[in-house]
Amino acid sequence: QVQLTESGGGAVQAGGSLRLSCAASRRTFDMAWFRQEPGKEREFVAAIGWGAGDTYYADSVKDRFTISRPSAESTVYLQMNLLKPEDTAVYYCAAESATHSNMRHSENWRYWGQGTKVTVSS
């Protein structure tokens, strides 16, 4: 079992920045961030594998968001810059994909955090 605890959400104006954190009870091979708006499906945001360079991003956040996980740590971060109103959502941390090549699909992940809300105003 892996327990995940997110933090760092909040309200910010468009163009601002936030950093989300997800503390895991143990280090896992891979971790990811997803987000979900009311009435919509959970959407892939970013993922990181065992190595620091093994990162993946949704096109909508590429060049604005950065996922990181310091070596030997079990906490993953999501640095979000140049935030837009369309980034408003509840952000969820996930750990341990069943298939590393299928990490963009939410059903592929075994463990989930409780979510942290991000609100971006125009």
C-alpha atoms as a PDB file:
ATOM      1  CA  GLN A   1       0.000   0.000   0.000  1.00  0.00           C
ATOM      2  CA  VAL A   2       1.030   3.576  -0.670  1.00  0.00           C
ATOM      3  CA  GLN A   3      -0.493   6.589   1.036  1.00  0.00           C
ATOM      4  CA  LEU A   4      -0.378   9.863  -0.881  1.00  0.00           C
ATOM      5  CA  THR A   5      -0.925  13.322   0.587  1.00  0.00           C
ATOM      6  CA  GLU A   6      -1.164  16.364  -1.673  1.00  0.00           C
ATOM      7  CA  SER A   7      -0.677  19.970  -0.643  1.00  0.00           C
ATOM      8  CA  GLY A   8      -0.036  23.361  -2.191  1.00  0.00           C
ATOM      9  CA  GLY A   9      -3.297  24.090  -3.928  1.00  0.00           C
ATOM     10  CA  GLY A  10      -4.977  27.471  -3.686  1.00  0.00           C
ATOM     11  CA  ALA A  11      -6.256  30.477  -5.564  1.00  0.00           C
ATOM     12  CA  VAL A  12      -4.083  32.537  -7.880  1.00  0.00           C
ATOM     13  CA  GLN A  13      -4.531  35.054 -10.660  1.00  0.00           C
ATOM     14  CA  ALA A  14      -3.816  34.202 -14.279  1.00  0.00           C
ATOM     15  CA  GLY A  15      -0.100  34.361 -15.009  1.00  0.00           C
ATOM     16  CA  GLY A  16       0.803  33.361 -11.473  1.00  0.00           C
ATOM     17  CA  SER A  17       2.500  30.261 -10.106  1.00  0.00           C
ATOM     18  CA  LEU A  18       1.816  27.481  -7.634  1.00  0.00           C
ATOM     19  CA  ARG A  19       3.798  24.456  -6.515  1.00  0.00           C
ATOM     20  CA  LEU A  20       1.967  21.277  -5.608  1.00  0.00           C
ATOM     21  CA  SER A  21       3.537  18.594  -3.435  1.00  0.00           C
ATOM     22  CA  CYS A  22       2.607  14.949  -3.042  1.00  0.00           C
ATOM     23  CA  ALA A  23       4.203  13.049  -0.184  1.00  0.00           C
ATOM     24  CA  ALA A  24       4.199   9.271  -0.637  1.00  0.00           C
ATOM     25  CA  SER A  25       4.592   6.788   2.199  1.00  0.00           C
ATOM     26  CA  ARG A  26       7.312   5.076   0.146  1.00  0.00           C
ATOM     27  CA  ARG A  27       9.167   5.679  -3.084  1.00  0.00           C
ATOM     28  CA  THR A  28       7.485   4.109  -6.113  1.00  0.00           C
ATOM     29  CA  PHE A  29       8.751   3.484  -9.620  1.00  0.00           C
ATOM     30  CA  ASP A  30       6.610   6.218 -11.116  1.00  0.00           C
ATOM     31  CA  MET A  31       4.201   8.952 -10.069  1.00  0.00           C
ATOM     32  CA  ALA A  32       1.884  11.311 -11.858  1.00  0.00           C
ATOM     33  CA  TRP A  33      -0.450  14.267 -11.592  1.00  0.00           C
ATOM     34  CA  PHE A  34      -3.960  14.301 -12.995  1.00  0.00           C
ATOM     35  CA  ARG A  35      -6.655  16.943 -12.756  1.00  0.00           C
ATOM     36  CA  GLN A  36     -10.411  16.927 -12.860  1.00  0.00           C
ATOM     37  CA  GLU A  37     -13.065  19.581 -13.347  1.00  0.00           C
ATOM     38  CA  PRO A  38     -16.634  19.031 -12.152  1.00  0.00           C
ATOM     39  CA  GLY A  39     -18.548  16.829 -14.576  1.00  0.00           C
ATOM     40  CA  LYS A  40     -15.472  15.964 -16.613  1.00  0.00           C
ATOM     41  CA  GLU A  41     -13.150  12.975 -16.795  1.00  0.00           C
ATOM     42  CA  ARG A  42      -9.866  12.935 -14.948  1.00  0.00           C
ATOM     43  CA  GLU A  43      -7.181  14.343 -17.243  1.00  0.00           C
ATOM     44  CA  PHE A  44      -3.485  13.477 -17.414  1.00  0.00           C
ATOM     45  CA  VAL A  45      -1.145  16.358 -16.555  1.00  0.00           C
ATOM     46  CA  ALA A  46       2.367  14.989 -16.027  1.00  0.00           C
ATOM     47  CA  ALA A  47       4.267  11.887 -14.950  1.00  0.00           C
ATOM     48  CA  ILE A  48       7.751  10.980 -13.839  1.00  0.00           C
ATOM     49  CA  GLY A  49       9.558   7.660 -13.873  1.00  0.00           C
ATOM     50  CA  TRP A  50      12.414   6.421 -11.745  1.00  0.00           C
ATOM     51  CA  GLY A  51      14.969   8.717 -13.347  1.00  0.00           C
ATOM     52  CA  ALA A  52      14.763  12.499 -13.179  1.00  0.00           C
ATOM     53  CA  GLY A  53      14.789  12.772 -16.959  1.00  0.00           C
ATOM     54  CA  ASP A  54      11.951  10.316 -17.452  1.00  0.00           C
ATOM     55  CA  THR A  55       9.143  12.882 -17.599  1.00  0.00           C
ATOM     56  CA  TYR A  56       5.969  13.196 -19.623  1.00  0.00           C
ATOM     57  CA  TYR A  57       3.548  16.088 -20.067  1.00  0.00           C
ATOM     58  CA  ALA A  58       0.158  16.804 -21.538  1.00  0.00           C
ATOM     59  CA  ASP A  59       0.430  19.175 -24.476  1.00  0.00           C
ATOM     60  CA  SER A  60      -1.729  21.707 -22.637  1.00  0.00           C
ATOM     61  CA  VAL A  61       0.830  22.156 -19.849  1.00  0.00           C
ATOM     62  CA  LYS A  62       4.122  21.521 -21.631  1.00  0.00           C
ATOM     63  CA  ASP A  63       6.587  24.405 -21.168  1.00  0.00           C
ATOM     64  CA  ARG A  64       4.514  25.778 -18.252  1.00  0.00           C
ATOM     65  CA  PHE A  65       4.503  22.923 -15.718  1.00  0.00           C
ATOM     66  CA  THR A  66       7.455  20.938 -14.403  1.00  0.00           C
ATOM     67  CA  ILE A  67       7.221  17.632 -12.552  1.00  0.00           C
ATOM     68  CA  SER A  68      10.147  16.651 -10.343  1.00  0.00           C
ATOM     69  CA  ARG A  69      11.136  14.166  -7.692  1.00  0.00           C
ATOM     70  CA  PRO A  70      14.510  14.601  -5.982  1.00  0.00           C
ATOM     71  CA  SER A  71      16.594  11.449  -5.973  1.00  0.00           C
ATOM     72  CA  ALA A  72      15.994   9.139  -2.998  1.00  0.00           C
ATOM     73  CA  GLU A  73      12.898  11.120  -2.011  1.00  0.00           C
ATOM     74  CA  SER A  74       9.335   9.884  -2.138  1.00  0.00           C
ATOM     75  CA  THR A  75       7.771  13.336  -2.667  1.00  0.00           C
ATOM     76  CA  VAL A  76       6.836  14.514  -6.143  1.00  0.00           C
ATOM     77  CA  TYR A  77       6.358  18.163  -7.029  1.00  0.00           C
ATOM     78  CA  LEU A  78       4.460  19.966  -9.749  1.00  0.00           C
ATOM     79  CA  GLN A  79       5.692  23.496 -10.409  1.00  0.00           C
ATOM     80  CA  MET A  80       2.970  25.351 -12.284  1.00  0.00           C
ATOM     81  CA  ASN A  81       3.875  28.633 -13.986  1.00  0.00           C
ATOM     82  CA  LEU A  82       1.942  30.964 -16.279  1.00  0.00           C
ATOM     83  CA  LEU A  83      -1.307  29.589 -14.931  1.00  0.00           C
ATOM     84  CA  LYS A  84      -4.463  30.044 -16.967  1.00  0.00           C
ATOM     85  CA  PRO A  85      -8.130  29.977 -15.915  1.00  0.00           C
ATOM     86  CA  GLU A  86      -8.487  26.676 -17.788  1.00  0.00           C
ATOM     87  CA  ASP A  87      -5.993  25.133 -15.350  1.00  0.00           C
ATOM     88  CA  THR A  88      -8.651  25.405 -12.639  1.00  0.00           C
ATOM     89  CA  ALA A  89      -9.381  21.903 -11.330  1.00  0.00           C
ATOM     90  CA  VAL A  90      -8.818  19.501  -8.475  1.00  0.00           C
ATOM     91  CA  TYR A  91      -5.333  18.073  -8.897  1.00  0.00           C
ATOM     92  CA  TYR A  92      -4.696  14.460  -7.909  1.00  0.00           C
ATOM     93  CA  CYS A  93      -1.441  12.664  -7.291  1.00  0.00           C
ATOM     94  CA  ALA A  94      -1.104   9.045  -8.454  1.00  0.00           C
ATOM     95  CA  ALA A  95       1.510   6.353  -7.851  1.00  0.00           C
ATOM     96  CA  GLU A  96       2.510   3.008  -9.389  1.00  0.00           C
ATOM     97  CA  SER A  97       1.264   2.615 -12.906  1.00  0.00           C
ATOM     98  CA  ALA A  98       0.331  -0.924 -13.913  1.00  0.00           C
ATOM     99  CA  THR A  99       1.938  -0.312 -17.316  1.00  0.00           C
ATOM    100  CA  HIS A 100       4.556   2.421 -17.558  1.00  0.00           C
ATOM    101  CA  SER A 101       3.854   2.925 -21.259  1.00  0.00           C
ATOM    102  CA  ASN A 102       0.176   3.591 -20.517  1.00  0.00           C
ATOM    103  CA  MET A 103       0.656   6.246 -17.865  1.00  0.00           C
ATOM    104  CA  ARG A 104      -1.596   8.838 -19.505  1.00  0.00           C
ATOM    105  CA  HIS A 105      -4.708   6.833 -18.576  1.00  0.00           C
ATOM    106  CA  SER A 106      -6.062   7.247 -15.069  1.00  0.00           C
ATOM    107  CA  GLU A 107      -7.281   3.639 -14.811  1.00  0.00           C
ATOM    108  CA  ASN A 108      -3.657   2.535 -15.117  1.00  0.00           C
ATOM    109  CA  TRP A 109      -2.691   3.910 -11.687  1.00  0.00           C
ATOM    110  CA  ARG A 110      -3.022   1.980  -8.451  1.00  0.00           C
ATOM    111  CA  TYR A 111      -2.877   4.618  -5.727  1.00  0.00           C
ATOM    112  CA  TRP A 112      -4.440   8.066  -5.486  1.00  0.00           C
ATOM    113  CA  GLY A 113      -4.315  11.033  -3.173  1.00  0.00           C
ATOM    114  CA  GLN A 114      -7.331  12.961  -1.941  1.00  0.00           C
ATOM    115  CA  GLY A 115      -6.810  15.900  -4.295  1.00  0.00           C
ATOM    116  CA  THR A 116      -5.972  19.563  -3.885  1.00  0.00           C
ATOM    117  CA  LYS A 117      -7.970  22.367  -5.478  1.00  0.00           C
ATOM    118  CA  VAL A 118      -6.395  24.927  -7.780  1.00  0.00           C
ATOM    119  CA  THR A 119      -8.384  27.995  -8.814  1.00  0.00           C
ATOM    120  CA  VAL A 120      -7.038  30.434 -11.398  1.00  0.00           C
ATOM    121  CA  SER A 121      -8.947  33.672 -11.874  1.00  0.00           C
ATOM    122  CA  SER A 122      -8.758  35.891 -14.930  1.00  0.00           C
END
